[in-house]
Amino acid sequence: MPLTCLLRCNDLASTREHYQQTLGFTACDSAESTLLVQLQDGCLTFTEQDLWGSAPACTGTLYFALEDVQAYFDSIKDRADIAWPLQDMPYGTREFGIRDCNGYYLAFMQARPVPG
């Protein structure tokens, strides 16, 4: 089941540029002055509208499952604000995290094969 989050951003134009130029997402305008960004099967929707009565904020991390996390890390590591480096996690993923232009934390992960 696909999931798309609606997040408040500081500025649609700078968010579009960050996601396209820095993170390599595709981006397109969507309904009601919102911006849709996508990487593989993962999507986020951004709005400048103050629907929640607060500045952009999230107390969690948004995870994207990728086919080749190493290749993606290599493609953005010199441009993105890396929150934690690419590493094997004890819970069975290989992942890294970034902080985006609005202060949101995004993680990019790939499941590690189970030894058998």
PDB file of N, CA and C in Angstrom:
ATOM      1  N   MET A   1       0.837  -1.168   0.000  1.00  0.00           N
ATOM      2  CA  MET A   1       0.000   0.000   0.000  1.00  0.00           C
ATOM      3  C   MET A   1       0.884   1.233   0.000  1.00  0.00           C
ATOM      4  N   PRO A   2       0.826   2.042  -1.046  1.00  0.00           N
ATOM      5  CA  PRO A   2       1.617   3.282  -1.072  1.00  0.00           C
ATOM      6  C   PRO A   2       1.123   4.283  -0.026  1.00  0.00           C
ATOM      7  N   LEU A   3       2.044   5.042   0.493  1.00  0.00           N
ATOM      8  CA  LEU A   3       1.740   6.077   1.480  1.00  0.00           C
ATOM      9  C   LEU A   3       2.378   7.374   1.010  1.00  0.00           C
ATOM     10  N   THR A   4       1.623   8.462   1.050  1.00  0.00           N
ATOM     11  CA  THR A   4       2.163   9.785   0.740  1.00  0.00           C
ATOM     12  C   THR A   4       1.900  10.691   1.931  1.00  0.00           C
ATOM     13  N   CYS A   5       2.927  11.351   2.428  1.00  0.00           N
ATOM     14  CA  CYS A   5       2.787  12.285   3.548  1.00  0.00           C
ATOM     15  C   CYS A   5       2.613  13.698   3.012  1.00  0.00           C
ATOM     16  N   LEU A   6       1.767  14.487   3.647  1.00  0.00           N
ATOM     17  CA  LEU A   6       1.621  15.913   3.357  1.00  0.00           C
ATOM     18  C   LEU A   6       2.385  16.665   4.436  1.00  0.00           C
ATOM     19  N   LEU A   7       3.397  17.422   4.012  1.00  0.00           N
ATOM     20  CA  LEU A   7       4.275  18.138   4.934  1.00  0.00           C
ATOM     21  C   LEU A   7       4.289  19.619   4.615  1.00  0.00           C
ATOM     22  N   ARG A   8       4.388  20.439   5.641  1.00  0.00           N
ATOM     23  CA  ARG A   8       4.520  21.876   5.434  1.00  0.00           C
ATOM     24  C   ARG A   8       5.971  22.197   5.104  1.00  0.00           C
ATOM     25  N   CYS A   9       6.158  23.123   4.158  1.00  0.00           N
ATOM     26  CA  CYS A   9       7.521  23.545   3.820  1.00  0.00           C
ATOM     27  C   CYS A   9       7.634  25.055   3.963  1.00  0.00           C
ATOM     28  N   ASN A  10       8.868  25.539   3.982  1.00  0.00           N
ATOM     29  CA  ASN A  10       9.121  26.971   4.098  1.00  0.00           C
ATOM     30  C   ASN A  10       8.862  27.690   2.779  1.00  0.00           C
ATOM     31  N   ASP A  11       9.177  27.038   1.665  1.00  0.00           N
ATOM     32  CA  ASP A  11       9.062  27.661   0.350  1.00  0.00           C
ATOM     33  C   ASP A  11       9.002  26.556  -0.704  1.00  0.00           C
ATOM     34  N   LEU A  12       7.941  26.554  -1.524  1.00  0.00           N
ATOM     35  CA  LEU A  12       7.784  25.500  -2.529  1.00  0.00           C
ATOM     36  C   LEU A  12       8.918  25.499  -3.552  1.00  0.00           C
ATOM     37  N   ALA A  13       9.339  26.680  -4.001  1.00  0.00           N
ATOM     38  CA  ALA A  13      10.380  26.750  -5.033  1.00  0.00           C
ATOM     39  C   ALA A  13      11.715  26.209  -4.513  1.00  0.00           C
ATOM     40  N   SER A  14      12.103  26.574  -3.313  1.00  0.00           N
ATOM     41  CA  SER A  14      13.378  26.075  -2.791  1.00  0.00           C
ATOM     42  C   SER A  14      13.277  24.596  -2.430  1.00  0.00           C
ATOM     43  N   THR A  15      12.104  24.150  -2.008  1.00  0.00           N
ATOM     44  CA  THR A  15      11.911  22.724  -1.732  1.00  0.00           C
ATOM     45  C   THR A  15      12.013  21.928  -3.023  1.00  0.00           C
ATOM     46  N   ARG A  16      11.387  22.419  -4.107  1.00  0.00           N
ATOM     47  CA  ARG A  16      11.487  21.760  -5.413  1.00  0.00           C
ATOM     48  C   ARG A  16      12.950  21.652  -5.840  1.00  0.00           C
ATOM     49  N   GLU A  17      13.667  22.758  -5.746  1.00  0.00           N
ATOM     50  CA  GLU A  17      15.070  22.772  -6.167  1.00  0.00           C
ATOM     51  C   GLU A  17      15.899  21.792  -5.342  1.00  0.00           C
ATOM     52  N   HIS A  18      15.701  21.785  -4.038  1.00  0.00           N
ATOM     53  CA  HIS A  18      16.455  20.882  -3.158  1.00  0.00           C
ATOM     54  C   HIS A  18      16.195  19.422  -3.517  1.00  0.00           C
ATOM     55  N   TYR A  19      14.933  19.072  -3.658  1.00  0.00           N
ATOM     56  CA  TYR A  19      14.599  17.675  -3.941  1.00  0.00           C
ATOM     57  C   TYR A  19      15.052  17.252  -5.333  1.00  0.00           C
ATOM     58  N   GLN A  20      14.972  18.142  -6.304  1.00  0.00           N
ATOM     59  CA  GLN A  20      15.420  17.790  -7.654  1.00  0.00           C
ATOM     60  C   GLN A  20      16.944  17.810  -7.760  1.00  0.00           C
ATOM     61  N   GLN A  21      17.569  18.926  -7.408  1.00  0.00           N
ATOM     62  CA  GLN A  21      19.000  19.119  -7.646  1.00  0.00           C
ATOM     63  C   GLN A  21      19.885  18.386  -6.644  1.00  0.00           C
ATOM     64  N   THR A  22      19.510  18.395  -5.379  1.00  0.00           N
ATOM     65  CA  THR A  22      20.348  17.787  -4.345  1.00  0.00           C
ATOM     66  C   THR A  22      20.054  16.308  -4.168  1.00  0.00           C
ATOM     67  N   LEU A  23      18.756  15.948  -4.158  1.00  0.00           N
ATOM     68  CA  LEU A  23      18.375  14.580  -3.826  1.00  0.00           C
ATOM     69  C   LEU A  23      17.984  13.727  -5.027  1.00  0.00           C
ATOM     70  N   GLY A  24      17.848  14.317  -6.212  1.00  0.00           N
ATOM     71  CA  GLY A  24      17.558  13.541  -7.410  1.00  0.00           C
ATOM     72  C   GLY A  24      16.141  13.015  -7.525  1.00  0.00           C
ATOM     73  N   PHE A  25      15.201  13.607  -6.808  1.00  0.00           N
ATOM     74  CA  PHE A  25      13.794  13.234  -6.912  1.00  0.00           C
ATOM     75  C   PHE A  25      13.205  13.860  -8.175  1.00  0.00           C
ATOM     76  N   THR A  26      12.101  13.325  -8.656  1.00  0.00           N
ATOM     77  CA  THR A  26      11.298  14.026  -9.652  1.00  0.00           C
ATOM     78  C   THR A  26      10.311  14.888  -8.877  1.00  0.00           C
ATOM     79  N   ALA A  27       9.925  16.006  -9.440  1.00  0.00           N
ATOM     80  CA  ALA A  27       9.012  16.918  -8.754  1.00  0.00           C
ATOM     81  C   ALA A  27       8.007  17.474  -9.741  1.00  0.00           C
ATOM     82  N   CYS A  28       6.765  17.633  -9.273  1.00  0.00           N
ATOM     83  CA  CYS A  28       5.743  18.256 -10.119  1.00  0.00           C
ATOM     84  C   CYS A  28       4.719  18.950  -9.233  1.00  0.00           C
ATOM     85  N   ASP A  29       4.138  20.012  -9.784  1.00  0.00           N
ATOM     86  CA  ASP A  29       3.076  20.714  -9.077  1.00  0.00           C
ATOM     87  C   ASP A  29       1.865  19.801  -8.990  1.00  0.00           C
ATOM     88  N   SER A  30       1.151  19.887  -7.887  1.00  0.00           N
ATOM     89  CA  SER A  30      -0.071  19.114  -7.730  1.00  0.00           C
ATOM     90  C   SER A  30      -1.178  20.061  -7.272  1.00  0.00           C
ATOM     91  N   ALA A  31      -2.309  19.539  -6.909  1.00  0.00           N
ATOM     92  CA  ALA A  31      -3.502  20.339  -6.605  1.00  0.00           C
ATOM     93  C   ALA A  31      -3.292  21.294  -5.431  1.00  0.00           C
ATOM     94  N   GLU A  32      -4.029  22.405  -5.469  1.00  0.00           N
ATOM     95  CA  GLU A  32      -4.084  23.352  -4.344  1.00  0.00           C
ATOM     96  C   GLU A  32      -2.722  23.879  -3.916  1.00  0.00           C
ATOM     97  N   SER A  33      -1.896  24.276  -4.872  1.00  0.00           N
ATOM     98  CA  SER A  33      -0.584  24.863  -4.571  1.00  0.00           C
ATOM     99  C   SER A  33       0.282  23.941  -3.729  1.00  0.00           C
ATOM    100  N   THR A  34       0.350  22.690  -4.127  1.00  0.00           N
ATOM    101  CA  THR A  34       1.222  21.738  -3.452  1.00  0.00           C
ATOM    102  C   THR A  34       2.245  21.208  -4.451  1.00  0.00           C
ATOM    103  N   LEU A  35       3.278  20.602  -3.919  1.00  0.00           N
ATOM    104  CA  LEU A  35       4.369  20.052  -4.706  1.00  0.00           C
ATOM    105  C   LEU A  35       4.503  18.576  -4.363  1.00  0.00           C
ATOM    106  N   LEU A  36       4.532  17.717  -5.382  1.00  0.00           N
ATOM    107  CA  LEU A  36       4.723  16.287  -5.197  1.00  0.00           C
ATOM    108  C   LEU A  36       6.149  15.936  -5.610  1.00  0.00           C
ATOM    109  N   VAL A  37       6.894  15.272  -4.720  1.00  0.00           N
ATOM    110  CA  VAL A  37       8.240  14.806  -5.036  1.00  0.00           C
ATOM    111  C   VAL A  37       8.252  13.287  -4.915  1.00  0.00           C
ATOM    112  N   GLN A  38       9.030  12.633  -5.796  1.00  0.00           N
ATOM    113  CA  GLN A  38       9.011  11.178  -5.817  1.00  0.00           C
ATOM    114  C   GLN A  38      10.396  10.613  -6.120  1.00  0.00           C
ATOM    115  N   LEU A  39      10.724   9.534  -5.412  1.00  0.00           N
ATOM    116  CA  LEU A  39      11.930   8.758  -5.664  1.00  0.00           C
ATOM    117  C   LEU A  39      11.515   7.294  -5.639  1.00  0.00           C
ATOM    118  N   GLN A  40      11.681   6.619  -6.767  1.00  0.00           N
ATOM    119  CA  GLN A  40      11.199   5.247  -6.937  1.00  0.00           C
ATOM    120  C   GLN A  40       9.734   5.195  -6.510  1.00  0.00           C
ATOM    121  N   ASP A  41       9.357   4.363  -5.542  1.00  0.00           N
ATOM    122  CA  ASP A  41       7.950   4.243  -5.141  1.00  0.00           C
ATOM    123  C   ASP A  41       7.562   5.186  -4.004  1.00  0.00           C
ATOM    124  N   GLY A  42       8.495   5.981  -3.494  1.00  0.00           N
ATOM    125  CA  GLY A  42       8.213   6.851  -2.367  1.00  0.00           C
ATOM    126  C   GLY A  42       7.844   8.263  -2.793  1.00  0.00           C
ATOM    127  N   CYS A  43       6.784   8.805  -2.184  1.00  0.00           N
ATOM    128  CA  CYS A  43       6.297  10.157  -2.517  1.00  0.00           C
ATOM    129  C   CYS A  43       6.120  10.991  -1.257  1.00  0.00           C
ATOM    130  N   LEU A  44       6.361  12.283  -1.394  1.00  0.00           N
ATOM    131  CA  LEU A  44       6.026  13.270  -0.375  1.00  0.00           C
ATOM    132  C   LEU A  44       5.298  14.402  -1.068  1.00  0.00           C
ATOM    133  N   THR A  45       4.338  15.011  -0.381  1.00  0.00           N
ATOM    134  CA  THR A  45       3.652  16.189  -0.891  1.00  0.00           C
ATOM    135  C   THR A  45       3.927  17.334   0.075  1.00  0.00           C
ATOM    136  N   PHE A  46       4.300  18.487  -0.477  1.00  0.00           N
ATOM    137  CA  PHE A  46       4.610  19.671   0.335  1.00  0.00           C
ATOM    138  C   PHE A  46       3.617  20.784   0.056  1.00  0.00           C
ATOM    139  N   THR A  47       3.347  21.572   1.086  1.00  0.00           N
ATOM    140  CA  THR A  47       2.511  22.760   0.964  1.00  0.00           C
ATOM    141  C   THR A  47       3.116  23.877   1.797  1.00  0.00           C
ATOM    142  N   GLU A  48       2.919  25.101   1.353  1.00  0.00           N
ATOM    143  CA  GLU A  48       3.312  26.264   2.164  1.00  0.00           C
ATOM    144  C   GLU A  48       2.177  26.689   3.093  1.00  0.00           C
ATOM    145  N   GLN A  49       0.991  26.143   2.870  1.00  0.00           N
ATOM    146  CA  GLN A  49      -0.174  26.525   3.667  1.00  0.00           C
ATOM    147  C   GLN A  49       0.012  26.109   5.123  1.00  0.00           C
ATOM    148  N   ASP A  50      -0.423  26.954   6.024  1.00  0.00           N
ATOM    149  CA  ASP A  50      -0.331  26.661   7.446  1.00  0.00           C
ATOM    150  C   ASP A  50      -1.594  25.919   7.881  1.00  0.00           C
ATOM    151  N   LEU A  51      -1.634  24.634   7.598  1.00  0.00           N
ATOM    152  CA  LEU A  51      -2.801  23.814   7.927  1.00  0.00           C
ATOM    153  C   LEU A  51      -2.788  23.346   9.375  1.00  0.00           C
ATOM    154  N   TRP A  52      -1.637  23.445  10.048  1.00  0.00           N
ATOM    155  CA  TRP A  52      -1.483  22.893  11.384  1.00  0.00           C
ATOM    156  C   TRP A  52      -1.195  23.956  12.451  1.00  0.00           C
ATOM    157  N   GLY A  53      -1.056  25.203  12.046  1.00  0.00           N
ATOM    158  CA  GLY A  53      -0.793  26.266  13.010  1.00  0.00           C
ATOM    159  C   GLY A  53       0.604  26.240  13.590  1.00  0.00           C
ATOM    160  N   SER A  54       1.578  25.755  12.803  1.00  0.00           N
ATOM    161  CA  SER A  54       2.946  25.707  13.308  1.00  0.00           C
ATOM    162  C   SER A  54       3.931  25.698  12.147  1.00  0.00           C
ATOM    163  N   ALA A  55       5.189  25.911  12.486  1.00  0.00           N
ATOM    164  CA  ALA A  55       6.273  25.839  11.491  1.00  0.00           C
ATOM    165  C   ALA A  55       6.481  24.388  11.086  1.00  0.00           C
ATOM    166  N   PRO A  56       7.180  24.136   9.966  1.00  0.00           N
ATOM    167  CA  PRO A  56       7.461  22.755   9.574  1.00  0.00           C
ATOM    168  C   PRO A  56       8.150  21.989  10.701  1.00  0.00           C
ATOM    169  N   ALA A  57       7.600  20.825  11.041  1.00  0.00           N
ATOM    170  CA  ALA A  57       8.168  20.019  12.110  1.00  0.00           C
ATOM    171  C   ALA A  57       7.688  18.576  11.990  1.00  0.00           C
ATOM    172  N   CYS A  58       8.528  17.669  12.415  1.00  0.00           N
ATOM    173  CA  CYS A  58       8.177  16.246  12.446  1.00  0.00           C
ATOM    174  C   CYS A  58       9.030  15.617  13.523  1.00  0.00           C
ATOM    175  N   THR A  59       8.431  14.786  14.368  1.00  0.00           N
ATOM    176  CA  THR A  59       9.192  14.166  15.445  1.00  0.00           C
ATOM    177  C   THR A  59       9.738  12.792  15.058  1.00  0.00           C
ATOM    178  N   GLY A  60       9.578  12.417  13.798  1.00  0.00           N
ATOM    179  CA  GLY A  60      10.051  11.119  13.348  1.00  0.00           C
ATOM    180  C   GLY A  60      10.959  11.236  12.138  1.00  0.00           C
ATOM    181  N   THR A  61      11.247  10.091  11.553  1.00  0.00           N
ATOM    182  CA  THR A  61      12.053   9.991  10.344  1.00  0.00           C
ATOM    183  C   THR A  61      11.218   9.312   9.277  1.00  0.00           C
ATOM    184  N   LEU A  62      11.261   9.835   8.062  1.00  0.00           N
ATOM    185  CA  LEU A  62      10.523   9.265   6.942  1.00  0.00           C
ATOM    186  C   LEU A  62      11.460   8.346   6.178  1.00  0.00           C
ATOM    187  N   TYR A  63      11.100   7.083   6.048  1.00  0.00           N
ATOM    188  CA  TYR A  63      11.948   6.074   5.413  1.00  0.00           C
ATOM    189  C   TYR A  63      11.514   5.799   3.976  1.00  0.00           C
ATOM    190  N   PHE A  64      12.505   5.697   3.093  1.00  0.00           N
ATOM    191  CA  PHE A  64      12.307   5.316   1.700  1.00  0.00           C
ATOM    192  C   PHE A  64      13.033   4.001   1.468  1.00  0.00           C
ATOM    193  N   ALA A  65      12.331   2.988   0.986  1.00  0.00           N
ATOM    194  CA  ALA A  65      12.949   1.711   0.637  1.00  0.00           C
ATOM    195  C   ALA A  65      13.439   1.808  -0.800  1.00  0.00           C
ATOM    196  N   LEU A  66      14.724   1.555  -1.004  1.00  0.00           N
ATOM    197  CA  LEU A  66      15.336   1.676  -2.324  1.00  0.00           C
ATOM    198  C   LEU A  66      15.855   0.333  -2.814  1.00  0.00           C
ATOM    199  N   GLU A  67      15.993   0.232  -4.125  1.00  0.00           N
ATOM    200  CA  GLU A  67      16.535  -0.980  -4.725  1.00  0.00           C
ATOM    201  C   GLU A  67      18.049  -1.084  -4.531  1.00  0.00           C
ATOM    202  N   ASP A  68      18.749   0.062  -4.563  1.00  0.00           N
ATOM    203  CA  ASP A  68      20.206   0.069  -4.425  1.00  0.00           C
ATOM    204  C   ASP A  68      20.623   1.282  -3.586  1.00  0.00           C
ATOM    205  N   VAL A  69      20.622   1.116  -2.273  1.00  0.00           N
ATOM    206  CA  VAL A  69      20.899   2.236  -1.377  1.00  0.00           C
ATOM    207  C   VAL A  69      22.342   2.723  -1.509  1.00  0.00           C
ATOM    208  N   GLN A  70      23.278   1.825  -1.807  1.00  0.00           N
ATOM    209  CA  GLN A  70      24.674   2.237  -1.978  1.00  0.00           C
ATOM    210  C   GLN A  70      24.821   3.196  -3.148  1.00  0.00           C
ATOM    211  N   ALA A  71      24.213   2.872  -4.280  1.00  0.00           N
ATOM    212  CA  ALA A  71      24.302   3.731  -5.466  1.00  0.00           C
ATOM    213  C   ALA A  71      23.664   5.089  -5.193  1.00  0.00           C
ATOM    214  N   TYR A  72      22.526   5.108  -4.496  1.00  0.00           N
ATOM    215  CA  TYR A  72      21.877   6.384  -4.190  1.00  0.00           C
ATOM    216  C   TYR A  72      22.739   7.218  -3.238  1.00  0.00           C
ATOM    217  N   PHE A  73      23.287   6.582  -2.206  1.00  0.00           N
ATOM    218  CA  PHE A  73      24.170   7.288  -1.279  1.00  0.00           C
ATOM    219  C   PHE A  73      25.346   7.904  -2.025  1.00  0.00           C
ATOM    220  N   ASP A  74      25.975   7.123  -2.886  1.00  0.00           N
ATOM    221  CA  ASP A  74      27.119   7.618  -3.647  1.00  0.00           C
ATOM    222  C   ASP A  74      26.744   8.812  -4.524  1.00  0.00           C
ATOM    223  N   SER A  75      25.505   8.843  -5.020  1.00  0.00           N
ATOM    224  CA  SER A  75      25.090   9.920  -5.922  1.00  0.00           C
ATOM    225  C   SER A  75      24.777  11.235  -5.209  1.00  0.00           C
ATOM    226  N   ILE A  76      24.468  11.192  -3.898  1.00  0.00           N
ATOM    227  CA  ILE A  76      24.092  12.438  -3.202  1.00  0.00           C
ATOM    228  C   ILE A  76      24.985  12.800  -2.030  1.00  0.00           C
ATOM    229  N   LYS A  77      25.889  11.940  -1.619  1.00  0.00           N
ATOM    230  CA  LYS A  77      26.645  12.140  -0.373  1.00  0.00           C
ATOM    231  C   LYS A  77      27.436  13.446  -0.320  1.00  0.00           C
ATOM    232  N   ASP A  78      27.861  13.966  -1.466  1.00  0.00           N
ATOM    233  CA  ASP A  78      28.644  15.199  -1.470  1.00  0.00           C
ATOM    234  C   ASP A  78      27.775  16.452  -1.564  1.00  0.00           C
ATOM    235  N   ARG A  79      26.468  16.285  -1.736  1.00  0.00           N
ATOM    236  CA  ARG A  79      25.558  17.435  -1.881  1.00  0.00           C
ATOM    237  C   ARG A  79      24.560  17.557  -0.730  1.00  0.00           C
ATOM    238  N   ALA A  80      24.208  16.431  -0.115  1.00  0.00           N
ATOM    239  CA  ALA A  80      23.152  16.414   0.899  1.00  0.00           C
ATOM    240  C   ALA A  80      23.730  16.615   2.300  1.00  0.00           C
ATOM    241  N   ASP A  81      22.866  17.042   3.219  1.00  0.00           N
ATOM    242  CA  ASP A  81      23.214  17.175   4.632  1.00  0.00           C
ATOM    243  C   ASP A  81      23.035  15.790   5.269  1.00  0.00           C
ATOM    244  N   ILE A  82      24.110  15.018   5.352  1.00  0.00           N
ATOM    245  CA  ILE A  82      24.047  13.644   5.849  1.00  0.00           C
ATOM    246  C   ILE A  82      23.877  13.662   7.371  1.00  0.00           C
ATOM    247  N   ALA A  83      22.793  13.056   7.838  1.00  0.00           N
ATOM    248  CA  ALA A  83      22.513  12.992   9.274  1.00  0.00           C
ATOM    249  C   ALA A  83      23.216  11.797   9.917  1.00  0.00           C
ATOM    250  N   TRP A  84      23.247  10.668   9.228  1.00  0.00           N
ATOM    251  CA  TRP A  84      24.050   9.528   9.640  1.00  0.00           C
ATOM    252  C   TRP A  84      24.505   8.794   8.391  1.00  0.00           C
ATOM    253  N   PRO A  85      25.727   8.236   8.444  1.00  0.00           N
ATOM    254  CA  PRO A  85      26.327   7.641   7.240  1.00  0.00           C
ATOM    255  C   PRO A  85      25.693   6.293   6.885  1.00  0.00           C
ATOM    256  N   LEU A  86      25.976   5.854   5.682  1.00  0.00           N
ATOM    257  CA  LEU A  86      25.528   4.547   5.224  1.00  0.00           C
ATOM    258  C   LEU A  86      26.125   3.474   6.129  1.00  0.00           C
ATOM    259  N   GLN A  87      25.252   2.608   6.650  1.00  0.00           N
ATOM    260  CA  GLN A  87      25.715   1.589   7.579  1.00  0.00           C
ATOM    261  C   GLN A  87      24.725   0.430   7.650  1.00  0.00           C
ATOM    262  N   ASP A  88      25.229  -0.711   8.084  1.00  0.00           N
ATOM    263  CA  ASP A  88      24.377  -1.869   8.322  1.00  0.00           C
ATOM    264  C   ASP A  88      23.798  -1.740   9.724  1.00  0.00           C
ATOM    265  N   MET A  89      22.479  -1.849   9.803  1.00  0.00           N
ATOM    266  CA  MET A  89      21.800  -1.691  11.088  1.00  0.00           C
ATOM    267  C   MET A  89      21.509  -3.067  11.692  1.00  0.00           C
ATOM    268  N   PRO A  90      21.445  -3.158  13.019  1.00  0.00           N
ATOM    269  CA  PRO A  90      21.214  -4.453  13.672  1.00  0.00           C
ATOM    270  C   PRO A  90      19.839  -5.046  13.371  1.00  0.00           C
ATOM    271  N   TYR A  91      18.911  -4.226  12.899  1.00  0.00           N
ATOM    272  CA  TYR A  91      17.560  -4.719  12.606  1.00  0.00           C
ATOM    273  C   TYR A  91      17.390  -5.150  11.155  1.00  0.00           C
ATOM    274  N   GLY A  92      18.494  -5.279  10.403  1.00  0.00           N
ATOM    275  CA  GLY A  92      18.435  -5.929   9.106  1.00  0.00           C
ATOM    276  C   GLY A  92      18.383  -5.042   7.878  1.00  0.00           C
ATOM    277  N   THR A  93      18.719  -3.770   8.010  1.00  0.00           N
ATOM    278  CA  THR A  93      18.748  -2.897   6.840  1.00  0.00           C
ATOM    279  C   THR A  93      20.137  -2.295   6.663  1.00  0.00           C
ATOM    280  N   ARG A  94      20.396  -1.831   5.483  1.00  0.00           N
ATOM    281  CA  ARG A  94      21.561  -0.991   5.184  1.00  0.00           C
ATOM    282  C   ARG A  94      20.951   0.354   4.878  1.00  0.00           C
ATOM    283  N   GLU A  95      21.344   1.410   5.593  1.00  0.00           N
ATOM    284  CA  GLU A  95      20.655   2.692   5.473  1.00  0.00           C
ATOM    285  C   GLU A  95      21.550   3.869   5.800  1.00  0.00           C
ATOM    286  N   PHE A  96      21.058   5.053   5.405  1.00  0.00           N
ATOM    287  CA  PHE A  96      21.663   6.322   5.804  1.00  0.00           C
ATOM    288  C   PHE A  96      20.536   7.338   5.925  1.00  0.00           C
ATOM    289  N   GLY A  97      20.857   8.458   6.568  1.00  0.00           N
ATOM    290  CA  GLY A  97      19.856   9.494   6.761  1.00  0.00           C
ATOM    291  C   GLY A  97      20.360  10.853   6.334  1.00  0.00           C
ATOM    292  N   ILE A  98      19.421  11.708   5.937  1.00  0.00           N
ATOM    293  CA  ILE A  98      19.742  13.091   5.586  1.00  0.00           C
ATOM    294  C   ILE A  98      18.759  14.023   6.298  1.00  0.00           C
ATOM    295  N   ARG A  99      19.115  15.293   6.335  1.00  0.00           N
ATOM    296  CA  ARG A  99      18.217  16.346   6.817  1.00  0.00           C
ATOM    297  C   ARG A  99      17.925  17.209   5.604  1.00  0.00           C
ATOM    298  N   ASP A 100      16.635  17.403   5.276  1.00  0.00           N
ATOM    299  CA  ASP A 100      16.290  18.168   4.074  1.00  0.00           C
ATOM    300  C   ASP A 100      16.272  19.670   4.349  1.00  0.00           C
ATOM    301  N   CYS A 101      15.935  20.446   3.345  1.00  0.00           N
ATOM    302  CA  CYS A 101      15.965  21.904   3.432  1.00  0.00           C
ATOM    303  C   CYS A 101      14.915  22.478   4.373  1.00  0.00           C
ATOM    304  N   ASN A 102      13.940  21.692   4.790  1.00  0.00           N
ATOM    305  CA  ASN A 102      12.905  22.143   5.720  1.00  0.00           C
ATOM    306  C   ASN A 102      13.121  21.610   7.135  1.00  0.00           C
ATOM    307  N   GLY A 103      14.195  20.841   7.334  1.00  0.00           N
ATOM    308  CA  GLY A 103      14.494  20.286   8.646  1.00  0.00           C
ATOM    309  C   GLY A 103      13.958  18.889   8.873  1.00  0.00           C
ATOM    310  N   TYR A 104      13.332  18.281   7.865  1.00  0.00           N
ATOM    311  CA  TYR A 104      12.825  16.922   8.008  1.00  0.00           C
ATOM    312  C   TYR A 104      13.963  15.914   7.856  1.00  0.00           C
ATOM    313  N   TYR A 105      13.880  14.828   8.618  1.00  0.00           N
ATOM    314  CA  TYR A 105      14.841  13.746   8.496  1.00  0.00           C
ATOM    315  C   TYR A 105      14.266  12.675   7.587  1.00  0.00           C
ATOM    316  N   LEU A 106      15.051  12.298   6.579  1.00  0.00           N
ATOM    317  CA  LEU A 106      14.682  11.234   5.657  1.00  0.00           C
ATOM    318  C   LEU A 106      15.738  10.149   5.756  1.00  0.00           C
ATOM    319  N   ALA A 107      15.306   8.906   5.760  1.00  0.00           N
ATOM    320  CA  ALA A 107      16.230   7.774   5.735  1.00  0.00           C
ATOM    321  C   ALA A 107      15.987   6.995   4.446  1.00  0.00           C
ATOM    322  N   PHE A 108      17.063   6.443   3.910  1.00  0.00           N
ATOM    323  CA  PHE A 108      17.013   5.653   2.693  1.00  0.00           C
ATOM    324  C   PHE A 108      17.599   4.295   3.048  1.00  0.00           C
ATOM    325  N   MET A 109      16.821   3.245   2.807  1.00  0.00           N
ATOM    326  CA  MET A 109      17.231   1.927   3.286  1.00  0.00           C
ATOM    327  C   MET A 109      16.997   0.849   2.249  1.00  0.00           C
ATOM    328  N   GLN A 110      17.728  -0.228   2.448  1.00  0.00           N
ATOM    329  CA  GLN A 110      17.586  -1.430   1.632  1.00  0.00           C
ATOM    330  C   GLN A 110      17.689  -2.610   2.583  1.00  0.00           C
ATOM    331  N   ALA A 111      16.772  -3.570   2.465  1.00  0.00           N
ATOM    332  CA  ALA A 111      16.841  -4.757   3.303  1.00  0.00           C
ATOM    333  C   ALA A 111      18.070  -5.574   2.914  1.00  0.00           C
ATOM    334  N   ARG A 112      18.766  -6.065   3.925  1.00  0.00           N
ATOM    335  CA  ARG A 112      19.910  -6.937   3.684  1.00  0.00           C
ATOM    336  C   ARG A 112      19.414  -8.364   3.497  1.00  0.00           C
ATOM    337  N   PRO A 113      20.043  -9.123   2.595  1.00  0.00           N
ATOM    338  CA  PRO A 113      19.638 -10.518   2.428  1.00  0.00           C
ATOM    339  C   PRO A 113      19.855 -11.301   3.727  1.00  0.00           C
ATOM    340  N   VAL A 114      18.923 -12.168   4.011  1.00  0.00           N
ATOM    341  CA  VAL A 114      19.048 -13.017   5.196  1.00  0.00           C
ATOM    342  C   VAL A 114      19.949 -14.191   4.843  1.00  0.00           C
ATOM    343  N   PRO A 115      21.020 -14.404   5.636  1.00  0.00           N
ATOM    344  CA  PRO A 115      21.912 -15.533   5.349  1.00  0.00           C
ATOM    345  C   PRO A 115      21.124 -16.842   5.429  1.00  0.00           C
ATOM    346  N   GLY A 116      21.401 -17.737   4.516  1.00  0.00           N
ATOM    347  CA  GLY A 116      20.611 -18.957   4.553  1.00  0.00           C
ATOM    348  C   GLY A 116      21.351 -20.091   4.124  1.00  0.00           C
TER     349      GLY A 116
END
